[in-house]
Amino acid sequence: MTILAIAATPALSATTGGAAAGSATAPAAPTTTAPAIHLSPITAKSRRLTYKGPVYQKTTTGEVIPYAAPAPAAQLTNATGGSAVSGATATAADAKPQLLVPGSLARYVNGVAAAPMSAPESVQKVIWAGNEIIGLPYIFGGGHASFYSPGYDCSGTVSYALHGGGLLTTPEDSSEFMVWGSHGAGRWIAVFGNAGHAYMDVAGLRLDTSAADDPTDQQGPRWRPLRIGNSGYTVRHPLGL
């Protein structure tokens, strides 16, 4: 009987995963689950862009200071766009303040987008570049012969903003955006493209020339509410963003 008991001990360890008595084998380390990747929203139920929180401005020297809004007469003049700029005379992008807000979502401030402080610098630059062309007219083919144009079409608008963030070297059309970058929505940026249109969501705001799901019904490059749905589009994003 004693002999049988001794022989059974290693057999038990082999069939149940336990270690035999006196074994020097260390227990296996517990497995851990990788944290979920945060994704910025790409759809919204509300079409309101109201924001009343703190706003900061990055100066030309890199200093971040509280933002002082301009006098009402100098503020951008429409609900989701920018100041009125003549397409006949505008030949370069209009400089706008580089605004920042706390958190991970971009916010709509006086007609332009304020970049989230927690976003990578390239994402912030995409937002600030998009601000530069707000208010310019829609021009078919605008932004394709050159990044600089008196007006922009849909894919020209997306191209200009991505170029400003150092993420694009040559303007793309809407069909080319269907195969650009990486598949799916990114953590910060989602580019939507099909054969006829392109637009982009960046940190919770939409940069688009179309007034779809925008109560102001104005055309041309503007920051707009996120759409309630993005069906019919291929979704891509810059690698790592």
C-alpha atoms as a PDB file:
ATOM      1  CA  MET A   1       0.000   0.000   0.000  1.00  0.00           C
ATOM      2  CA  THR A   2       2.839   2.387   0.802  1.00  0.00           C
ATOM      3  CA  ILE A   3       4.431   1.790  -2.595  1.00  0.00           C
ATOM      4  CA  LEU A   4       1.186   2.600  -4.406  1.00  0.00           C
ATOM      5  CA  ALA A   5       0.774   5.919  -2.547  1.00  0.00           C
ATOM      6  CA  ILE A   6       4.279   7.077  -3.458  1.00  0.00           C
ATOM      7  CA  ALA A   7       3.769   6.256  -7.111  1.00  0.00           C
ATOM      8  CA  ALA A   8       0.478   8.126  -7.250  1.00  0.00           C
ATOM      9  CA  THR A   9       1.965  11.503  -6.266  1.00  0.00           C
ATOM     10  CA  PRO A  10       3.710  12.369  -9.567  1.00  0.00           C
ATOM     11  CA  ALA A  11       0.779  10.965 -11.490  1.00  0.00           C
ATOM     12  CA  LEU A  12      -1.533  13.429  -9.758  1.00  0.00           C
ATOM     13  CA  SER A  13       0.706  16.360 -10.694  1.00  0.00           C
ATOM     14  CA  ALA A  14       0.797  15.297 -14.317  1.00  0.00           C
ATOM     15  CA  THR A  15      -2.969  15.045 -14.692  1.00  0.00           C
ATOM     16  CA  THR A  16      -4.099  18.115 -12.722  1.00  0.00           C
ATOM     17  CA  GLY A  17      -1.312  20.601 -13.375  1.00  0.00           C
ATOM     18  CA  GLY A  18      -0.110  20.663  -9.776  1.00  0.00           C
ATOM     19  CA  ALA A  19       3.572  20.453  -8.831  1.00  0.00           C
ATOM     20  CA  ALA A  20       4.895  17.416  -7.050  1.00  0.00           C
ATOM     21  CA  ALA A  21       5.954  17.920  -3.456  1.00  0.00           C
ATOM     22  CA  GLY A  22       9.439  19.331  -3.186  1.00  0.00           C
ATOM     23  CA  SER A  23       9.454  20.625  -6.781  1.00  0.00           C
ATOM     24  CA  ALA A  24      11.490  23.812  -7.375  1.00  0.00           C
ATOM     25  CA  THR A  25       9.259  24.945 -10.267  1.00  0.00           C
ATOM     26  CA  ALA A  26       7.862  28.471  -9.654  1.00  0.00           C
ATOM     27  CA  PRO A  27       4.115  29.045 -10.166  1.00  0.00           C
ATOM     28  CA  ALA A  28       3.139  30.591 -13.475  1.00  0.00           C
ATOM     29  CA  ALA A  29       2.637  34.375 -13.463  1.00  0.00           C
ATOM     30  CA  PRO A  30      -1.029  35.442 -13.723  1.00  0.00           C
ATOM     31  CA  THR A  31      -2.063  36.607 -17.161  1.00  0.00           C
ATOM     32  CA  THR A  32      -3.097  40.232 -17.608  1.00  0.00           C
ATOM     33  CA  THR A  33      -5.532  41.755 -20.097  1.00  0.00           C
ATOM     34  CA  ALA A  34      -4.213  44.573 -22.247  1.00  0.00           C
ATOM     35  CA  PRO A  35      -6.051  47.859 -21.604  1.00  0.00           C
ATOM     36  CA  ALA A  36      -8.612  48.845 -24.204  1.00  0.00           C
ATOM     37  CA  ILE A  37      -7.478  51.489 -26.693  1.00  0.00           C
ATOM     38  CA  HIS A  38      -9.343  54.770 -26.283  1.00  0.00           C
ATOM     39  CA  LEU A  39     -11.025  55.866 -29.501  1.00  0.00           C
ATOM     40  CA  SER A  40     -12.380  59.338 -30.115  1.00  0.00           C
ATOM     41  CA  PRO A  41     -16.090  59.335 -30.991  1.00  0.00           C
ATOM     42  CA  ILE A  42     -17.021  59.288 -34.684  1.00  0.00           C
ATOM     43  CA  THR A  43     -20.808  59.571 -34.337  1.00  0.00           C
ATOM     44  CA  ALA A  44     -23.033  61.726 -32.154  1.00  0.00           C
ATOM     45  CA  LYS A  45     -26.727  62.042 -31.340  1.00  0.00           C
ATOM     46  CA  SER A  46     -26.545  65.775 -30.705  1.00  0.00           C
ATOM     47  CA  ARG A  47     -25.743  68.457 -33.274  1.00  0.00           C
ATOM     48  CA  ARG A  48     -24.756  71.030 -30.679  1.00  0.00           C
ATOM     49  CA  LEU A  49     -21.163  72.210 -30.397  1.00  0.00           C
ATOM     50  CA  THR A  50     -21.540  74.380 -27.299  1.00  0.00           C
ATOM     51  CA  TYR A  51     -18.482  74.567 -25.033  1.00  0.00           C
ATOM     52  CA  LYS A  52     -18.109  76.767 -21.952  1.00  0.00           C
ATOM     53  CA  GLY A  53     -14.962  75.385 -20.350  1.00  0.00           C
ATOM     54  CA  PRO A  54     -11.471  76.894 -20.098  1.00  0.00           C
ATOM     55  CA  VAL A  55      -9.599  77.702 -23.303  1.00  0.00           C
ATOM     56  CA  TYR A  56      -5.880  78.334 -23.718  1.00  0.00           C
ATOM     57  CA  GLN A  57      -3.690  79.582 -26.535  1.00  0.00           C
ATOM     58  CA  LYS A  58      -0.250  78.401 -27.587  1.00  0.00           C
ATOM     59  CA  THR A  59       1.884  81.405 -28.477  1.00  0.00           C
ATOM     60  CA  THR A  60       4.550  81.592 -31.173  1.00  0.00           C
ATOM     61  CA  THR A  61       7.159  80.999 -28.463  1.00  0.00           C
ATOM     62  CA  GLY A  62       5.429  77.805 -27.312  1.00  0.00           C
ATOM     63  CA  GLU A  63       4.000  79.299 -24.131  1.00  0.00           C
ATOM     64  CA  VAL A  64       0.470  78.221 -23.165  1.00  0.00           C
ATOM     65  CA  ILE A  65      -1.603  81.107 -21.803  1.00  0.00           C
ATOM     66  CA  PRO A  66      -5.307  81.705 -21.112  1.00  0.00           C
ATOM     67  CA  TYR A  67      -7.136  82.604 -24.297  1.00  0.00           C
ATOM     68  CA  ALA A  68      -8.639  86.073 -24.547  1.00  0.00           C
ATOM     69  CA  ALA A  69     -11.459  86.058 -27.093  1.00  0.00           C
ATOM     70  CA  PRO A  70     -11.460  88.942 -29.592  1.00  0.00           C
ATOM     71  CA  ALA A  71     -14.097  91.642 -29.546  1.00  0.00           C
ATOM     72  CA  PRO A  72     -17.455  90.490 -30.964  1.00  0.00           C
ATOM     73  CA  ALA A  73     -16.991  92.398 -34.223  1.00  0.00           C
ATOM     74  CA  ALA A  74     -13.779  90.492 -34.917  1.00  0.00           C
ATOM     75  CA  GLN A  75     -15.095  87.055 -33.990  1.00  0.00           C
ATOM     76  CA  LEU A  76     -15.930  84.525 -36.664  1.00  0.00           C
ATOM     77  CA  THR A  77     -19.344  85.281 -37.975  1.00  0.00           C
ATOM     78  CA  ASN A  78     -21.261  82.022 -38.325  1.00  0.00           C
ATOM     79  CA  ALA A  79     -22.235  79.121 -36.154  1.00  0.00           C
ATOM     80  CA  THR A  80     -19.997  76.426 -37.606  1.00  0.00           C
ATOM     81  CA  GLY A  81     -17.733  78.133 -40.093  1.00  0.00           C
ATOM     82  CA  GLY A  82     -15.472  81.142 -40.160  1.00  0.00           C
ATOM     83  CA  SER A  83     -15.139  84.707 -41.207  1.00  0.00           C
ATOM     84  CA  ALA A  84     -16.345  85.617 -44.660  1.00  0.00           C
ATOM     85  CA  VAL A  85     -13.390  85.434 -47.028  1.00  0.00           C
ATOM     86  CA  SER A  86     -13.614  86.349 -50.672  1.00  0.00           C
ATOM     87  CA  GLY A  87     -12.646  83.469 -52.911  1.00  0.00           C
ATOM     88  CA  ALA A  88     -11.409  85.946 -55.522  1.00  0.00           C
ATOM     89  CA  THR A  89      -8.876  87.558 -53.230  1.00  0.00           C
ATOM     90  CA  ALA A  90      -7.955  84.800 -50.775  1.00  0.00           C
ATOM     91  CA  THR A  91      -4.739  83.191 -51.996  1.00  0.00           C
ATOM     92  CA  ALA A  92      -3.365  81.728 -48.778  1.00  0.00           C
ATOM     93  CA  ALA A  93      -4.650  80.175 -45.605  1.00  0.00           C
ATOM     94  CA  ASP A  94      -5.913  82.532 -42.941  1.00  0.00           C
ATOM     95  CA  ALA A  95      -3.883  82.421 -39.703  1.00  0.00           C
ATOM     96  CA  LYS A  96      -5.915  81.541 -36.617  1.00  0.00           C
ATOM     97  CA  PRO A  97      -4.902  81.263 -32.942  1.00  0.00           C
ATOM     98  CA  GLN A  98      -3.635  77.862 -31.846  1.00  0.00           C
ATOM     99  CA  LEU A  99      -6.217  77.045 -29.189  1.00  0.00           C
ATOM    100  CA  LEU A 100      -6.042  74.300 -26.562  1.00  0.00           C
ATOM    101  CA  VAL A 101      -8.567  72.820 -24.138  1.00  0.00           C
ATOM    102  CA  PRO A 102      -8.116  70.318 -21.294  1.00  0.00           C
ATOM    103  CA  GLY A 103      -8.937  66.678 -21.900  1.00  0.00           C
ATOM    104  CA  SER A 104      -8.991  64.416 -24.945  1.00  0.00           C
ATOM    105  CA  LEU A 105     -11.751  66.020 -27.037  1.00  0.00           C
ATOM    106  CA  ALA A 106     -11.463  68.934 -29.446  1.00  0.00           C
ATOM    107  CA  ARG A 107     -13.913  71.772 -28.753  1.00  0.00           C
ATOM    108  CA  TYR A 108     -15.590  74.396 -30.901  1.00  0.00           C
ATOM    109  CA  VAL A 109     -14.579  77.939 -29.895  1.00  0.00           C
ATOM    110  CA  ASN A 110     -15.574  81.081 -31.830  1.00  0.00           C
ATOM    111  CA  GLY A 111     -15.799  79.268 -35.145  1.00  0.00           C
ATOM    112  CA  VAL A 112     -12.579  77.258 -34.924  1.00  0.00           C
ATOM    113  CA  ALA A 113     -11.495  74.070 -33.195  1.00  0.00           C
ATOM    114  CA  ALA A 114      -9.451  74.021 -29.996  1.00  0.00           C
ATOM    115  CA  ALA A 115      -7.149  71.016 -29.838  1.00  0.00           C
ATOM    116  CA  PRO A 116      -7.163  68.728 -26.787  1.00  0.00           C
ATOM    117  CA  MET A 117      -4.116  69.102 -24.569  1.00  0.00           C
ATOM    118  CA  SER A 118      -3.716  65.332 -24.197  1.00  0.00           C
ATOM    119  CA  ALA A 119      -3.540  64.744 -27.974  1.00  0.00           C
ATOM    120  CA  PRO A 120      -0.210  64.128 -29.716  1.00  0.00           C
ATOM    121  CA  GLU A 121       1.375  67.208 -31.259  1.00  0.00           C
ATOM    122  CA  SER A 122       0.668  65.952 -34.784  1.00  0.00           C
ATOM    123  CA  VAL A 123      -3.054  65.731 -34.010  1.00  0.00           C
ATOM    124  CA  GLN A 124      -3.034  69.240 -32.564  1.00  0.00           C
ATOM    125  CA  LYS A 125      -1.336  70.500 -35.724  1.00  0.00           C
ATOM    126  CA  VAL A 126      -3.967  68.779 -37.894  1.00  0.00           C
ATOM    127  CA  ILE A 127      -6.657  70.706 -36.021  1.00  0.00           C
ATOM    128  CA  TRP A 128      -4.832  74.017 -36.204  1.00  0.00           C
ATOM    129  CA  ALA A 129      -4.182  73.517 -39.926  1.00  0.00           C
ATOM    130  CA  GLY A 130      -7.874  72.829 -40.484  1.00  0.00           C
ATOM    131  CA  ASN A 131      -8.659  76.109 -38.743  1.00  0.00           C
ATOM    132  CA  GLU A 132      -6.561  78.018 -41.274  1.00  0.00           C
ATOM    133  CA  ILE A 133      -8.965  77.328 -44.157  1.00  0.00           C
ATOM    134  CA  ILE A 134     -12.267  77.691 -42.286  1.00  0.00           C
ATOM    135  CA  GLY A 135     -14.461  80.175 -44.120  1.00  0.00           C
ATOM    136  CA  LEU A 136     -12.898  79.698 -47.553  1.00  0.00           C
ATOM    137  CA  PRO A 137     -15.346  78.727 -50.311  1.00  0.00           C
ATOM    138  CA  TYR A 138     -15.917  75.288 -51.789  1.00  0.00           C
ATOM    139  CA  ILE A 139     -14.051  75.003 -55.096  1.00  0.00           C
ATOM    140  CA  PHE A 140     -14.108  71.745 -57.014  1.00  0.00           C
ATOM    141  CA  GLY A 141     -10.514  70.538 -57.294  1.00  0.00           C
ATOM    142  CA  GLY A 142      -9.332  73.132 -54.777  1.00  0.00           C
ATOM    143  CA  GLY A 143      -6.326  71.994 -52.774  1.00  0.00           C
ATOM    144  CA  HIS A 144      -5.124  69.406 -55.298  1.00  0.00           C
ATOM    145  CA  ALA A 145      -2.849  71.266 -57.701  1.00  0.00           C
ATOM    146  CA  SER A 146      -1.307  72.774 -54.568  1.00  0.00           C
ATOM    147  CA  PHE A 147      -2.010  72.587 -50.847  1.00  0.00           C
ATOM    148  CA  TYR A 148      -2.566  76.356 -50.999  1.00  0.00           C
ATOM    149  CA  SER A 149      -5.699  77.489 -52.805  1.00  0.00           C
ATOM    150  CA  PRO A 150      -8.376  80.230 -52.711  1.00  0.00           C
ATOM    151  CA  GLY A 151     -10.871  77.480 -51.885  1.00  0.00           C
ATOM    152  CA  TYR A 152     -11.030  73.748 -51.234  1.00  0.00           C
ATOM    153  CA  ASP A 153     -13.131  70.751 -52.129  1.00  0.00           C
ATOM    154  CA  CYS A 154     -13.858  67.905 -49.711  1.00  0.00           C
ATOM    155  CA  SER A 155     -10.693  65.860 -50.152  1.00  0.00           C
ATOM    156  CA  GLY A 156      -8.613  68.992 -50.601  1.00  0.00           C
ATOM    157  CA  THR A 157      -9.787  70.101 -47.153  1.00  0.00           C
ATOM    158  CA  VAL A 158      -8.841  66.779 -45.556  1.00  0.00           C
ATOM    159  CA  SER A 159      -5.507  66.777 -47.399  1.00  0.00           C
ATOM    160  CA  TYR A 160      -4.636  70.292 -46.220  1.00  0.00           C
ATOM    161  CA  ALA A 161      -5.292  69.476 -42.564  1.00  0.00           C
ATOM    162  CA  LEU A 162      -3.376  66.184 -42.647  1.00  0.00           C
ATOM    163  CA  HIS A 163      -0.479  67.927 -44.393  1.00  0.00           C
ATOM    164  CA  GLY A 164      -0.437  70.516 -41.621  1.00  0.00           C
ATOM    165  CA  GLY A 165       0.089  67.716 -39.122  1.00  0.00           C
ATOM    166  CA  GLY A 166       2.950  66.250 -41.123  1.00  0.00           C
ATOM    167  CA  LEU A 167       0.845  63.213 -42.065  1.00  0.00           C
ATOM    168  CA  LEU A 168       0.503  63.730 -45.830  1.00  0.00           C
ATOM    169  CA  THR A 169       2.971  64.918 -48.457  1.00  0.00           C
ATOM    170  CA  THR A 170       0.738  64.895 -51.567  1.00  0.00           C
ATOM    171  CA  PRO A 171      -2.971  65.830 -51.796  1.00  0.00           C
ATOM    172  CA  GLU A 172      -5.308  62.837 -52.122  1.00  0.00           C
ATOM    173  CA  ASP A 173      -8.727  62.617 -53.739  1.00  0.00           C
ATOM    174  CA  SER A 174     -11.703  60.933 -52.068  1.00  0.00           C
ATOM    175  CA  SER A 175     -11.120  57.564 -53.780  1.00  0.00           C
ATOM    176  CA  GLU A 176      -7.459  57.573 -52.783  1.00  0.00           C
ATOM    177  CA  PHE A 177      -8.445  58.136 -49.158  1.00  0.00           C
ATOM    178  CA  MET A 178     -10.327  54.816 -49.329  1.00  0.00           C
ATOM    179  CA  VAL A 179      -6.967  52.997 -49.344  1.00  0.00           C
ATOM    180  CA  TRP A 180      -4.836  55.562 -47.507  1.00  0.00           C
ATOM    181  CA  GLY A 181      -3.289  54.909 -44.104  1.00  0.00           C
ATOM    182  CA  SER A 182      -4.515  52.042 -41.917  1.00  0.00           C
ATOM    183  CA  HIS A 183      -7.872  50.282 -41.803  1.00  0.00           C
ATOM    184  CA  GLY A 184     -10.619  51.535 -39.504  1.00  0.00           C
ATOM    185  CA  ALA A 185     -10.980  54.468 -37.145  1.00  0.00           C
ATOM    186  CA  GLY A 186      -7.899  55.543 -35.242  1.00  0.00           C
ATOM    187  CA  ARG A 187      -7.487  56.674 -31.675  1.00  0.00           C
ATOM    188  CA  TRP A 188      -7.629  60.345 -32.679  1.00  0.00           C
ATOM    189  CA  ILE A 189      -8.401  60.568 -36.392  1.00  0.00           C
ATOM    190  CA  ALA A 190     -10.869  58.843 -38.713  1.00  0.00           C
ATOM    191  CA  VAL A 191     -10.917  59.664 -42.448  1.00  0.00           C
ATOM    192  CA  PHE A 192     -14.091  58.745 -44.341  1.00  0.00           C
ATOM    193  CA  GLY A 193     -13.948  58.320 -48.105  1.00  0.00           C
ATOM    194  CA  ASN A 194     -15.912  56.988 -51.039  1.00  0.00           C
ATOM    195  CA  ALA A 195     -15.891  57.637 -54.775  1.00  0.00           C
ATOM    196  CA  GLY A 196     -17.623  60.991 -54.407  1.00  0.00           C
ATOM    197  CA  HIS A 197     -16.820  62.523 -51.020  1.00  0.00           C
ATOM    198  CA  ALA A 198     -14.362  62.614 -48.118  1.00  0.00           C
ATOM    199  CA  TYR A 199     -14.372  64.128 -44.650  1.00  0.00           C
ATOM    200  CA  MET A 200     -12.548  63.620 -41.380  1.00  0.00           C
ATOM    201  CA  ASP A 201     -13.314  63.334 -37.668  1.00  0.00           C
ATOM    202  CA  VAL A 202     -10.552  64.576 -35.378  1.00  0.00           C
ATOM    203  CA  ALA A 203     -10.817  64.136 -31.601  1.00  0.00           C
ATOM    204  CA  GLY A 204     -14.600  64.460 -31.637  1.00  0.00           C
ATOM    205  CA  LEU A 205     -15.152  67.183 -34.282  1.00  0.00           C
ATOM    206  CA  ARG A 206     -15.841  66.785 -38.011  1.00  0.00           C
ATOM    207  CA  LEU A 207     -13.937  68.702 -40.689  1.00  0.00           C
ATOM    208  CA  ASP A 208     -16.135  68.655 -43.780  1.00  0.00           C
ATOM    209  CA  THR A 209     -17.290  70.739 -46.747  1.00  0.00           C
ATOM    210  CA  SER A 210     -20.732  69.098 -46.680  1.00  0.00           C
ATOM    211  CA  ALA A 211     -23.513  70.433 -44.465  1.00  0.00           C
ATOM    212  CA  ALA A 212     -24.909  66.941 -43.785  1.00  0.00           C
ATOM    213  CA  ASP A 213     -26.077  66.705 -40.156  1.00  0.00           C
ATOM    214  CA  ASP A 214     -25.118  70.364 -39.677  1.00  0.00           C
ATOM    215  CA  PRO A 215     -28.067  72.639 -38.830  1.00  0.00           C
ATOM    216  CA  THR A 216     -26.355  75.727 -40.317  1.00  0.00           C
ATOM    217  CA  ASP A 217     -26.552  74.252 -43.839  1.00  0.00           C
ATOM    218  CA  GLN A 218     -23.402  76.101 -44.967  1.00  0.00           C
ATOM    219  CA  GLN A 219     -20.948  74.746 -47.510  1.00  0.00           C
ATOM    220  CA  GLY A 220     -17.167  74.962 -47.633  1.00  0.00           C
ATOM    221  CA  PRO A 221     -14.486  73.865 -45.149  1.00  0.00           C
ATOM    222  CA  ARG A 222     -15.897  74.024 -41.617  1.00  0.00           C
ATOM    223  CA  TRP A 223     -15.806  72.244 -38.294  1.00  0.00           C
ATOM    224  CA  ARG A 224     -19.165  70.574 -37.822  1.00  0.00           C
ATOM    225  CA  PRO A 225     -20.956  68.228 -35.433  1.00  0.00           C
ATOM    226  CA  LEU A 226     -20.190  64.538 -35.838  1.00  0.00           C
ATOM    227  CA  ARG A 227     -22.627  62.729 -38.094  1.00  0.00           C
ATOM    228  CA  ILE A 228     -25.237  60.406 -36.594  1.00  0.00           C
ATOM    229  CA  GLY A 229     -23.995  57.694 -38.940  1.00  0.00           C
ATOM    230  CA  ASN A 230     -21.170  57.170 -41.434  1.00  0.00           C
ATOM    231  CA  SER A 231     -22.578  54.422 -43.647  1.00  0.00           C
ATOM    232  CA  GLY A 232     -21.369  54.215 -47.227  1.00  0.00           C
ATOM    233  CA  TYR A 233     -17.798  55.267 -46.448  1.00  0.00           C
ATOM    234  CA  THR A 234     -14.518  53.430 -46.076  1.00  0.00           C
ATOM    235  CA  VAL A 235     -12.839  54.390 -42.781  1.00  0.00           C
ATOM    236  CA  ARG A 236      -9.082  54.867 -42.528  1.00  0.00           C
ATOM    237  CA  HIS A 237      -6.646  56.504 -40.115  1.00  0.00           C
ATOM    238  CA  PRO A 238      -3.002  57.561 -39.920  1.00  0.00           C
ATOM    239  CA  LEU A 239      -0.810  54.778 -38.564  1.00  0.00           C
ATOM    240  CA  GLY A 240      -0.483  55.120 -34.789  1.00  0.00           C
ATOM    241  CA  LEU A 241      -3.152  57.848 -34.509  1.00  0.00           C
END
